[in-house]
Amino acid sequence: VHTSASNLCYFLKNLQNELAQPVINTPKITETVQV
């Protein structure tokens, strides 16, 4: 099965949305608050 890296990323992103749990090791978005 020959595919591109971008196609795999697209497939994983869709999987992540379907499963509603993190499948891809992406950094978590955090909010920076200045005090």
PDB file of all heavy atoms in Angstrom:
ATOM      1  N   VAL A   1       0.874  -1.170   0.000  1.00  0.00           N
ATOM      2  CA  VAL A   1       0.000   0.000   0.000  1.00  0.00           C
ATOM      3  C   VAL A   1       0.910   1.218   0.000  1.00  0.00           C
ATOM      4  O   VAL A   1       1.623   1.477   0.972  1.00  0.00           O
ATOM      5  CB  VAL A   1      -0.936   0.020   1.232  1.00  0.00           C
ATOM      6  CG1 VAL A   1      -1.761   1.289   1.241  1.00  0.00           C
ATOM      7  CG2 VAL A   1      -1.823  -1.207   1.241  1.00  0.00           C
ATOM      8  N   HIS A   2       0.896   1.940  -1.110  1.00  0.00           N
ATOM      9  CA  HIS A   2       1.764   3.111  -1.247  1.00  0.00           C
ATOM     10  C   HIS A   2       0.899   4.366  -1.181  1.00  0.00           C
ATOM     11  O   HIS A   2      -0.037   4.526  -1.969  1.00  0.00           O
ATOM     12  CB  HIS A   2       2.552   3.042  -2.551  1.00  0.00           C
ATOM     13  CG  HIS A   2       3.390   1.805  -2.628  1.00  0.00           C
ATOM     14  ND1 HIS A   2       4.579   1.679  -1.940  1.00  0.00           N
ATOM     15  CD2 HIS A   2       3.197   0.635  -3.278  1.00  0.00           C
ATOM     16  CE1 HIS A   2       5.092   0.490  -2.175  1.00  0.00           C
ATOM     17  NE2 HIS A   2       4.268  -0.180  -2.987  1.00  0.00           N
ATOM     18  N   THR A   3       1.210   5.230  -0.240  1.00  0.00           N
ATOM     19  CA  THR A   3       0.465   6.468  -0.053  1.00  0.00           C
ATOM     20  C   THR A   3       1.427   7.547   0.416  1.00  0.00           C
ATOM     21  O   THR A   3       2.560   7.263   0.805  1.00  0.00           O
ATOM     22  CB  THR A   3      -0.696   6.266   0.954  1.00  0.00           C
ATOM     23  OG1 THR A   3      -1.520   7.438   0.970  1.00  0.00           O
ATOM     24  CG2 THR A   3      -0.187   5.973   2.355  1.00  0.00           C
ATOM     25  N   SER A   4       0.970   8.775   0.410  1.00  0.00           N
ATOM     26  CA  SER A   4       1.826   9.891   0.835  1.00  0.00           C
ATOM     27  C   SER A   4       1.673  10.130   2.332  1.00  0.00           C
ATOM     28  O   SER A   4       0.693   9.692   2.955  1.00  0.00           O
ATOM     29  CB  SER A   4       1.446  11.159   0.075  1.00  0.00           C
ATOM     30  OG  SER A   4       0.133  11.564   0.439  1.00  0.00           O
ATOM     31  N   ALA A   5       2.640  10.852   2.882  1.00  0.00           N
ATOM     32  CA  ALA A   5       2.575  11.198   4.308  1.00  0.00           C
ATOM     33  C   ALA A   5       1.376  12.093   4.588  1.00  0.00           C
ATOM     34  O   ALA A   5       0.709  11.948   5.620  1.00  0.00           O
ATOM     35  CB  ALA A   5       3.865  11.882   4.741  1.00  0.00           C
ATOM     36  N   SER A   6       1.082  13.004   3.669  1.00  0.00           N
ATOM     37  CA  SER A   6      -0.065  13.890   3.887  1.00  0.00           C
ATOM     38  C   SER A   6      -1.384  13.124   3.851  1.00  0.00           C
ATOM     39  O   SER A   6      -2.313  13.436   4.600  1.00  0.00           O
ATOM     40  CB  SER A   6      -0.075  15.034   2.864  1.00  0.00           C
ATOM     41  OG  SER A   6      -0.193  14.516   1.559  1.00  0.00           O
ATOM     42  N   ASN A   7      -1.470  12.102   2.995  1.00  0.00           N
ATOM     43  CA  ASN A   7      -2.680  11.278   2.950  1.00  0.00           C
ATOM     44  C   ASN A   7      -2.851  10.502   4.251  1.00  0.00           C
ATOM     45  O   ASN A   7      -3.962  10.371   4.772  1.00  0.00           O
ATOM     46  CB  ASN A   7      -2.637  10.331   1.750  1.00  0.00           C
ATOM     47  CG  ASN A   7      -3.956   9.606   1.547  1.00  0.00           C
ATOM     48  OD1 ASN A   7      -5.013  10.188   1.687  1.00  0.00           O
ATOM     49  ND2 ASN A   7      -3.871   8.324   1.231  1.00  0.00           N
ATOM     50  N   LEU A   8      -1.736   9.986   4.786  1.00  0.00           N
ATOM     51  CA  LEU A   8      -1.798   9.282   6.072  1.00  0.00           C
ATOM     52  C   LEU A   8      -2.249  10.231   7.181  1.00  0.00           C
ATOM     53  O   LEU A   8      -3.091   9.869   8.010  1.00  0.00           O
ATOM     54  CB  LEU A   8      -0.446   8.657   6.413  1.00  0.00           C
ATOM     55  CG  LEU A   8      -0.363   7.950   7.767  1.00  0.00           C
ATOM     56  CD1 LEU A   8      -1.346   6.782   7.842  1.00  0.00           C
ATOM     57  CD2 LEU A   8       1.056   7.483   8.029  1.00  0.00           C
ATOM     58  N   CYS A   9      -1.707  11.447   7.187  1.00  0.00           N
ATOM     59  CA  CYS A   9      -2.110  12.439   8.205  1.00  0.00           C
ATOM     60  C   CYS A   9      -3.602  12.759   8.094  1.00  0.00           C
ATOM     61  O   CYS A   9      -4.288  12.873   9.110  1.00  0.00           O
ATOM     62  CB  CYS A   9      -1.282  13.710   8.055  1.00  0.00           C
ATOM     63  SG  CYS A   9       0.413  13.519   8.594  1.00  0.00           S
ATOM     64  N   TYR A  10      -4.079  12.911   6.880  1.00  0.00           N
ATOM     65  CA  TYR A  10      -5.498  13.181   6.655  1.00  0.00           C
ATOM     66  C   TYR A  10      -6.345  12.012   7.172  1.00  0.00           C
ATOM     67  O   TYR A  10      -7.356  12.212   7.847  1.00  0.00           O
ATOM     68  CB  TYR A  10      -5.748  13.417   5.162  1.00  0.00           C
ATOM     69  CG  TYR A  10      -7.176  13.722   4.817  1.00  0.00           C
ATOM     70  CD1 TYR A  10      -7.714  14.987   5.047  1.00  0.00           C
ATOM     71  CD2 TYR A  10      -8.003  12.752   4.260  1.00  0.00           C
ATOM     72  CE1 TYR A  10      -9.033  15.270   4.733  1.00  0.00           C
ATOM     73  CE2 TYR A  10      -9.320  13.018   3.945  1.00  0.00           C
ATOM     74  CZ  TYR A  10      -9.831  14.281   4.186  1.00  0.00           C
ATOM     75  OH  TYR A  10     -11.140  14.551   3.884  1.00  0.00           O
ATOM     76  N   PHE A  11      -5.912  10.802   6.880  1.00  0.00           N
ATOM     77  CA  PHE A  11      -6.622   9.606   7.337  1.00  0.00           C
ATOM     78  C   PHE A  11      -6.643   9.553   8.866  1.00  0.00           C
ATOM     79  O   PHE A  11      -7.674   9.271   9.477  1.00  0.00           O
ATOM     80  CB  PHE A  11      -5.934   8.356   6.759  1.00  0.00           C
ATOM     81  CG  PHE A  11      -6.602   7.063   7.143  1.00  0.00           C
ATOM     82  CD1 PHE A  11      -7.733   6.636   6.490  1.00  0.00           C
ATOM     83  CD2 PHE A  11      -6.082   6.273   8.152  1.00  0.00           C
ATOM     84  CE1 PHE A  11      -8.350   5.431   6.829  1.00  0.00           C
ATOM     85  CE2 PHE A  11      -6.686   5.074   8.506  1.00  0.00           C
ATOM     86  CZ  PHE A  11      -7.823   4.654   7.834  1.00  0.00           C
ATOM     87  N   LEU A  12      -5.495   9.852   9.506  1.00  0.00           N
ATOM     88  CA  LEU A  12      -5.421   9.823  10.969  1.00  0.00           C
ATOM     89  C   LEU A  12      -6.286  10.911  11.597  1.00  0.00           C
ATOM     90  O   LEU A  12      -6.909  10.693  12.633  1.00  0.00           O
ATOM     91  CB  LEU A  12      -3.966   9.984  11.418  1.00  0.00           C
ATOM     92  CG  LEU A  12      -3.060   8.784  11.132  1.00  0.00           C
ATOM     93  CD1 LEU A  12      -1.614   9.149  11.390  1.00  0.00           C
ATOM     94  CD2 LEU A  12      -3.482   7.586  11.963  1.00  0.00           C
ATOM     95  N   LYS A  13      -6.322  12.066  10.954  1.00  0.00           N
ATOM     96  CA  LYS A  13      -7.166  13.149  11.480  1.00  0.00           C
ATOM     97  C   LYS A  13      -8.638  12.747  11.433  1.00  0.00           C
ATOM     98  O   LYS A  13      -9.382  12.992  12.380  1.00  0.00           O
ATOM     99  CB  LYS A  13      -6.925  14.431  10.696  1.00  0.00           C
ATOM    100  CG  LYS A  13      -7.609  15.624  11.274  1.00  0.00           C
ATOM    101  CD  LYS A  13      -7.144  16.883  10.622  1.00  0.00           C
ATOM    102  CE  LYS A  13      -7.767  18.047  11.364  1.00  0.00           C
ATOM    103  NZ  LYS A  13      -7.052  19.274  11.165  1.00  0.00           N
ATOM    104  N   ASN A  14      -9.044  12.140  10.359  1.00  0.00           N
ATOM    105  CA  ASN A  14     -10.433  11.662  10.258  1.00  0.00           C
ATOM    106  C   ASN A  14     -10.710  10.573  11.282  1.00  0.00           C
ATOM    107  O   ASN A  14     -11.795  10.526  11.875  1.00  0.00           O
ATOM    108  CB  ASN A  14     -10.729  11.161   8.844  1.00  0.00           C
ATOM    109  CG  ASN A  14     -10.862  12.292   7.860  1.00  0.00           C
ATOM    110  OD1 ASN A  14     -11.145  13.424   8.224  1.00  0.00           O
ATOM    111  ND2 ASN A  14     -10.625  11.990   6.598  1.00  0.00           N
ATOM    112  N   LEU A  15      -9.742   9.685  11.512  1.00  0.00           N
ATOM    113  CA  LEU A  15      -9.903   8.655  12.536  1.00  0.00           C
ATOM    114  C   LEU A  15     -10.079   9.276  13.916  1.00  0.00           C
ATOM    115  O   LEU A  15     -10.914   8.849  14.707  1.00  0.00           O
ATOM    116  CB  LEU A  15      -8.670   7.748  12.579  1.00  0.00           C
ATOM    117  CG  LEU A  15      -8.647   6.524  11.698  1.00  0.00           C
ATOM    118  CD1 LEU A  15      -7.343   5.775  11.881  1.00  0.00           C
ATOM    119  CD2 LEU A  15      -9.811   5.618  11.973  1.00  0.00           C
ATOM    120  N   GLN A  16      -9.267  10.280  14.174  1.00  0.00           N
ATOM    121  CA  GLN A  16      -9.336  10.951  15.476  1.00  0.00           C
ATOM    122  C   GLN A  16     -10.718  11.564  15.684  1.00  0.00           C
ATOM    123  O   GLN A  16     -11.290  11.457  16.766  1.00  0.00           O
ATOM    124  CB  GLN A  16      -8.262  12.033  15.563  1.00  0.00           C
ATOM    125  CG  GLN A  16      -8.197  12.715  16.910  1.00  0.00           C
ATOM    126  CD  GLN A  16      -7.057  13.709  16.976  1.00  0.00           C
ATOM    127  OE1 GLN A  16      -6.371  13.964  16.003  1.00  0.00           O
ATOM    128  NE2 GLN A  16      -6.857  14.274  18.133  1.00  0.00           N
ATOM    129  N   ASN A  17     -11.253  12.188  14.654  1.00  0.00           N
ATOM    130  CA  ASN A  17     -12.593  12.774  14.761  1.00  0.00           C
ATOM    131  C   ASN A  17     -13.659  11.700  14.956  1.00  0.00           C
ATOM    132  O   ASN A  17     -14.609  11.891  15.705  1.00  0.00           O
ATOM    133  CB  ASN A  17     -12.898  13.610  13.526  1.00  0.00           C
ATOM    134  CG  ASN A  17     -12.050  14.856  13.455  1.00  0.00           C
ATOM    135  OD1 ASN A  17     -11.528  15.326  14.469  1.00  0.00           O
ATOM    136  ND2 ASN A  17     -11.880  15.378  12.266  1.00  0.00           N
ATOM    137  N   GLU A  18     -13.500  10.565  14.292  1.00  0.00           N
ATOM    138  CA  GLU A  18     -14.463   9.466  14.433  1.00  0.00           C
ATOM    139  C   GLU A  18     -14.446   8.868  15.833  1.00  0.00           C
ATOM    140  O   GLU A  18     -15.472   8.605  16.428  1.00  0.00           O
ATOM    141  CB  GLU A  18     -14.140   8.338  13.448  1.00  0.00           C
ATOM    142  CG  GLU A  18     -14.537   8.588  12.025  1.00  0.00           C
ATOM    143  CD  GLU A  18     -14.113   7.444  11.112  1.00  0.00           C
ATOM    144  OE1 GLU A  18     -14.001   6.304  11.609  1.00  0.00           O
ATOM    145  OE2 GLU A  18     -13.905   7.700   9.922  1.00  0.00           O
ATOM    146  N   LEU A  19     -13.270   8.645  16.346  1.00  0.00           N
ATOM    147  CA  LEU A  19     -13.133   7.965  17.638  1.00  0.00           C
ATOM    148  C   LEU A  19     -13.314   8.897  18.828  1.00  0.00           C
ATOM    149  O   LEU A  19     -13.482   8.441  19.950  1.00  0.00           O
ATOM    150  CB  LEU A  19     -11.761   7.283  17.734  1.00  0.00           C
ATOM    151  CG  LEU A  19     -11.467   6.235  16.668  1.00  0.00           C
ATOM    152  CD1 LEU A  19     -10.047   5.731  16.805  1.00  0.00           C
ATOM    153  CD2 LEU A  19     -12.454   5.087  16.779  1.00  0.00           C
ATOM    154  N   ALA A  20     -13.233  10.185  18.583  1.00  0.00           N
ATOM    155  CA  ALA A  20     -13.354  11.203  19.640  1.00  0.00           C
ATOM    156  C   ALA A  20     -12.359  10.977  20.776  1.00  0.00           C
ATOM    157  O   ALA A  20     -12.647  11.231  21.936  1.00  0.00           O
ATOM    158  CB  ALA A  20     -14.788  11.275  20.172  1.00  0.00           C
ATOM    159  N   GLN A  21     -11.200  10.462  20.420  1.00  0.00           N
ATOM    160  CA  GLN A  21     -10.111  10.302  21.367  1.00  0.00           C
ATOM    161  C   GLN A  21      -8.819  10.513  20.589  1.00  0.00           C
ATOM    162  O   GLN A  21      -8.785  10.287  19.391  1.00  0.00           O
ATOM    163  CB  GLN A  21     -10.122   8.936  22.045  1.00  0.00           C
ATOM    164  CG  GLN A  21      -9.845   7.777  21.114  1.00  0.00           C
ATOM    165  CD  GLN A  21      -9.890   6.455  21.840  1.00  0.00           C
ATOM    166  OE1 GLN A  21     -10.208   6.406  23.009  1.00  0.00           O
ATOM    167  NE2 GLN A  21      -9.572   5.385  21.159  1.00  0.00           N
ATOM    168  N   PRO A  22      -7.756  10.947  21.256  1.00  0.00           N
ATOM    169  CA  PRO A  22      -6.521  11.204  20.526  1.00  0.00           C
ATOM    170  C   PRO A  22      -5.915   9.935  19.943  1.00  0.00           C
ATOM    171  O   PRO A  22      -5.686   8.966  20.647  1.00  0.00           O
ATOM    172  CB  PRO A  22      -5.584  11.802  21.569  1.00  0.00           C
ATOM    173  CG  PRO A  22      -6.354  11.958  22.812  1.00  0.00           C
ATOM    174  CD  PRO A  22      -7.678  11.304  22.647  1.00  0.00           C
ATOM    175  N   VAL A  23      -5.714   9.944  18.638  1.00  0.00           N
ATOM    176  CA  VAL A  23      -5.037   8.853  17.965  1.00  0.00           C
ATOM    177  C   VAL A  23      -3.673   9.356  17.512  1.00  0.00           C
ATOM    178  O   VAL A  23      -2.700   8.648  17.507  1.00  0.00           O
ATOM    179  CB  VAL A  23      -5.859   8.359  16.750  1.00  0.00           C
ATOM    180  CG1 VAL A  23      -5.079   7.335  15.944  1.00  0.00           C
ATOM    181  CG2 VAL A  23      -7.167   7.777  17.222  1.00  0.00           C
ATOM    182  N   ILE A  24      -3.615  10.637  17.183  1.00  0.00           N
ATOM    183  CA  ILE A  24      -2.390  11.252  16.698  1.00  0.00           C
ATOM    184  C   ILE A  24      -1.659  11.871  17.880  1.00  0.00           C
ATOM    185  O   ILE A  24      -2.264  12.466  18.762  1.00  0.00           O
ATOM    186  CB  ILE A  24      -2.713  12.340  15.664  1.00  0.00           C
ATOM    187  CG1 ILE A  24      -3.553  11.767  14.528  1.00  0.00           C
ATOM    188  CG2 ILE A  24      -1.433  12.944  15.110  1.00  0.00           C
ATOM    189  CD1 ILE A  24      -4.102  12.793  13.588  1.00  0.00           C
ATOM    190  N   ASN A  25      -0.354  11.754  17.904  1.00  0.00           N
ATOM    191  CA  ASN A  25       0.441  12.352  18.974  1.00  0.00           C
ATOM    192  C   ASN A  25       0.682  13.826  18.656  1.00  0.00           C
ATOM    193  O   ASN A  25       1.745  14.204  18.177  1.00  0.00           O
ATOM    194  CB  ASN A  25       1.788  11.630  19.122  1.00  0.00           C
ATOM    195  CG  ASN A  25       1.600  10.181  19.460  1.00  0.00           C
ATOM    196  OD1 ASN A  25       0.631   9.817  20.096  1.00  0.00           O
ATOM    197  ND2 ASN A  25       2.521   9.352  19.035  1.00  0.00           N
ATOM    198  N   THR A  26      -0.315  14.649  18.895  1.00  0.00           N
ATOM    199  CA  THR A  26      -0.174  16.079  18.643  1.00  0.00           C
ATOM    200  C   THR A  26      -0.056  16.796  19.977  1.00  0.00           C
ATOM    201  O   THR A  26      -0.627  16.356  20.980  1.00  0.00           O
ATOM    202  CB  THR A  26      -1.401  16.631  17.892  1.00  0.00           C
ATOM    203  OG1 THR A  26      -2.576  16.296  18.624  1.00  0.00           O
ATOM    204  CG2 THR A  26      -1.494  16.061  16.490  1.00  0.00           C
ATOM    205  N   PRO A  27       0.674  17.897  19.988  1.00  0.00           N
ATOM    206  CA  PRO A  27       0.786  18.635  21.245  1.00  0.00           C
ATOM    207  C   PRO A  27      -0.560  19.225  21.642  1.00  0.00           C
ATOM    208  O   PRO A  27      -1.349  19.604  20.798  1.00  0.00           O
ATOM    209  CB  PRO A  27       1.793  19.738  20.925  1.00  0.00           C
ATOM    210  CG  PRO A  27       1.858  19.817  19.457  1.00  0.00           C
ATOM    211  CD  PRO A  27       1.417  18.493  18.904  1.00  0.00           C
ATOM    212  N   LYS A  28      -0.797  19.261  22.932  1.00  0.00           N
ATOM    213  CA  LYS A  28      -2.045  19.819  23.429  1.00  0.00           C
ATOM    214  C   LYS A  28      -1.953  21.340  23.403  1.00  0.00           C
ATOM    215  O   LYS A  28      -0.922  21.916  23.717  1.00  0.00           O
ATOM    216  CB  LYS A  28      -2.313  19.357  24.858  1.00  0.00           C
ATOM    217  CG  LYS A  28      -2.582  17.880  24.956  1.00  0.00           C
ATOM    218  CD  LYS A  28      -2.853  17.477  26.370  1.00  0.00           C
ATOM    219  CE  LYS A  28      -3.095  15.977  26.443  1.00  0.00           C
ATOM    220  NZ  LYS A  28      -3.308  15.518  27.795  1.00  0.00           N
ATOM    221  N   ILE A  29      -3.037  21.969  23.037  1.00  0.00           N
ATOM    222  CA  ILE A  29      -3.079  23.421  23.002  1.00  0.00           C
ATOM    223  C   ILE A  29      -3.385  23.893  24.412  1.00  0.00           C
ATOM    224  O   ILE A  29      -4.372  23.489  25.023  1.00  0.00           O
ATOM    225  CB  ILE A  29      -4.152  23.919  22.023  1.00  0.00           C
ATOM    226  CG1 ILE A  29      -3.812  23.433  20.617  1.00  0.00           C
ATOM    227  CG2 ILE A  29      -4.266  25.424  22.083  1.00  0.00           C
ATOM    228  CD1 ILE A  29      -4.889  23.715  19.610  1.00  0.00           C
ATOM    229  N   THR A  30      -2.504  24.731  24.904  1.00  0.00           N
ATOM    230  CA  THR A  30      -2.709  25.280  26.236  1.00  0.00           C
ATOM    231  C   THR A  30      -2.809  26.785  26.131  1.00  0.00           C
ATOM    232  O   THR A  30      -2.261  27.398  25.221  1.00  0.00           O
ATOM    233  CB  THR A  30      -1.549  24.915  27.183  1.00  0.00           C
ATOM    234  OG1 THR A  30      -0.328  25.395  26.604  1.00  0.00           O
ATOM    235  CG2 THR A  30      -1.463  23.420  27.402  1.00  0.00           C
ATOM    236  N   GLU A  31      -3.502  27.358  27.033  1.00  0.00           N
ATOM    237  CA  GLU A  31      -3.673  28.799  27.057  1.00  0.00           C
ATOM    238  C   GLU A  31      -2.692  29.391  28.054  1.00  0.00           C
ATOM    239  O   GLU A  31      -2.592  28.938  29.187  1.00  0.00           O
ATOM    240  CB  GLU A  31      -5.110  29.134  27.480  1.00  0.00           C
ATOM    241  CG  GLU A  31      -5.429  30.599  27.407  1.00  0.00           C
ATOM    242  CD  GLU A  31      -6.885  30.879  27.756  1.00  0.00           C
ATOM    243  OE1 GLU A  31      -7.734  30.011  27.507  1.00  0.00           O
ATOM    244  OE2 GLU A  31      -7.148  31.954  28.283  1.00  0.00           O
ATOM    245  N   THR A  32      -1.969  30.395  27.605  1.00  0.00           N
ATOM    246  CA  THR A  32      -1.023  31.074  28.471  1.00  0.00           C
ATOM    247  C   THR A  32      -1.720  32.281  29.089  1.00  0.00           C
ATOM    248  O   THR A  32      -2.318  33.087  28.391  1.00  0.00           O
ATOM    249  CB  THR A  32       0.205  31.546  27.669  1.00  0.00           C
ATOM    250  OG1 THR A  32       0.766  30.421  27.015  1.00  0.00           O
ATOM    251  CG2 THR A  32       1.220  32.194  28.576  1.00  0.00           C
ATOM    252  N   VAL A  33      -1.636  32.365  30.377  1.00  0.00           N
ATOM    253  CA  VAL A  33      -2.269  33.463  31.089  1.00  0.00           C
ATOM    254  C   VAL A  33      -1.189  34.218  31.851  1.00  0.00           C
ATOM    255  O   VAL A  33      -0.398  33.619  32.574  1.00  0.00           O
ATOM    256  CB  VAL A  33      -3.335  32.943  32.083  1.00  0.00           C
ATOM    257  CG1 VAL A  33      -3.977  34.081  32.846  1.00  0.00           C
ATOM    258  CG2 VAL A  33      -4.367  32.122  31.357  1.00  0.00           C
ATOM    259  N   GLN A  34      -1.158  35.523  31.643  1.00  0.00           N
ATOM    260  CA  GLN A  34      -0.213  36.337  32.384  1.00  0.00           C
ATOM    261  C   GLN A  34      -0.891  36.822  33.655  1.00  0.00           C
ATOM    262  O   GLN A  34      -2.016  37.300  33.631  1.00  0.00           O
ATOM    263  CB  GLN A  34       0.235  37.549  31.569  1.00  0.00           C
ATOM    264  CG  GLN A  34       1.182  37.194  30.450  1.00  0.00           C
ATOM    265  CD  GLN A  34       1.684  38.432  29.749  1.00  0.00           C
ATOM    266  OE1 GLN A  34       1.050  39.465  29.797  1.00  0.00           O
ATOM    267  NE2 GLN A  34       2.824  38.312  29.101  1.00  0.00           N
ATOM    268  N   VAL A  35      -0.191  36.673  34.751  1.00  0.00           N
ATOM    269  CA  VAL A  35      -0.717  37.090  36.034  1.00  0.00           C
ATOM    270  C   VAL A  35       0.149  38.229  36.541  1.00  0.00           C
ATOM    271  O   VAL A  35       1.368  38.108  36.633  1.00  0.00           O
ATOM    272  CB  VAL A  35      -0.700  35.920  37.048  1.00  0.00           C
ATOM    273  CG1 VAL A  35      -1.224  36.372  38.397  1.00  0.00           C
ATOM    274  CG2 VAL A  35      -1.506  34.762  36.518  1.00  0.00           C
TER     275      VAL A  35
END
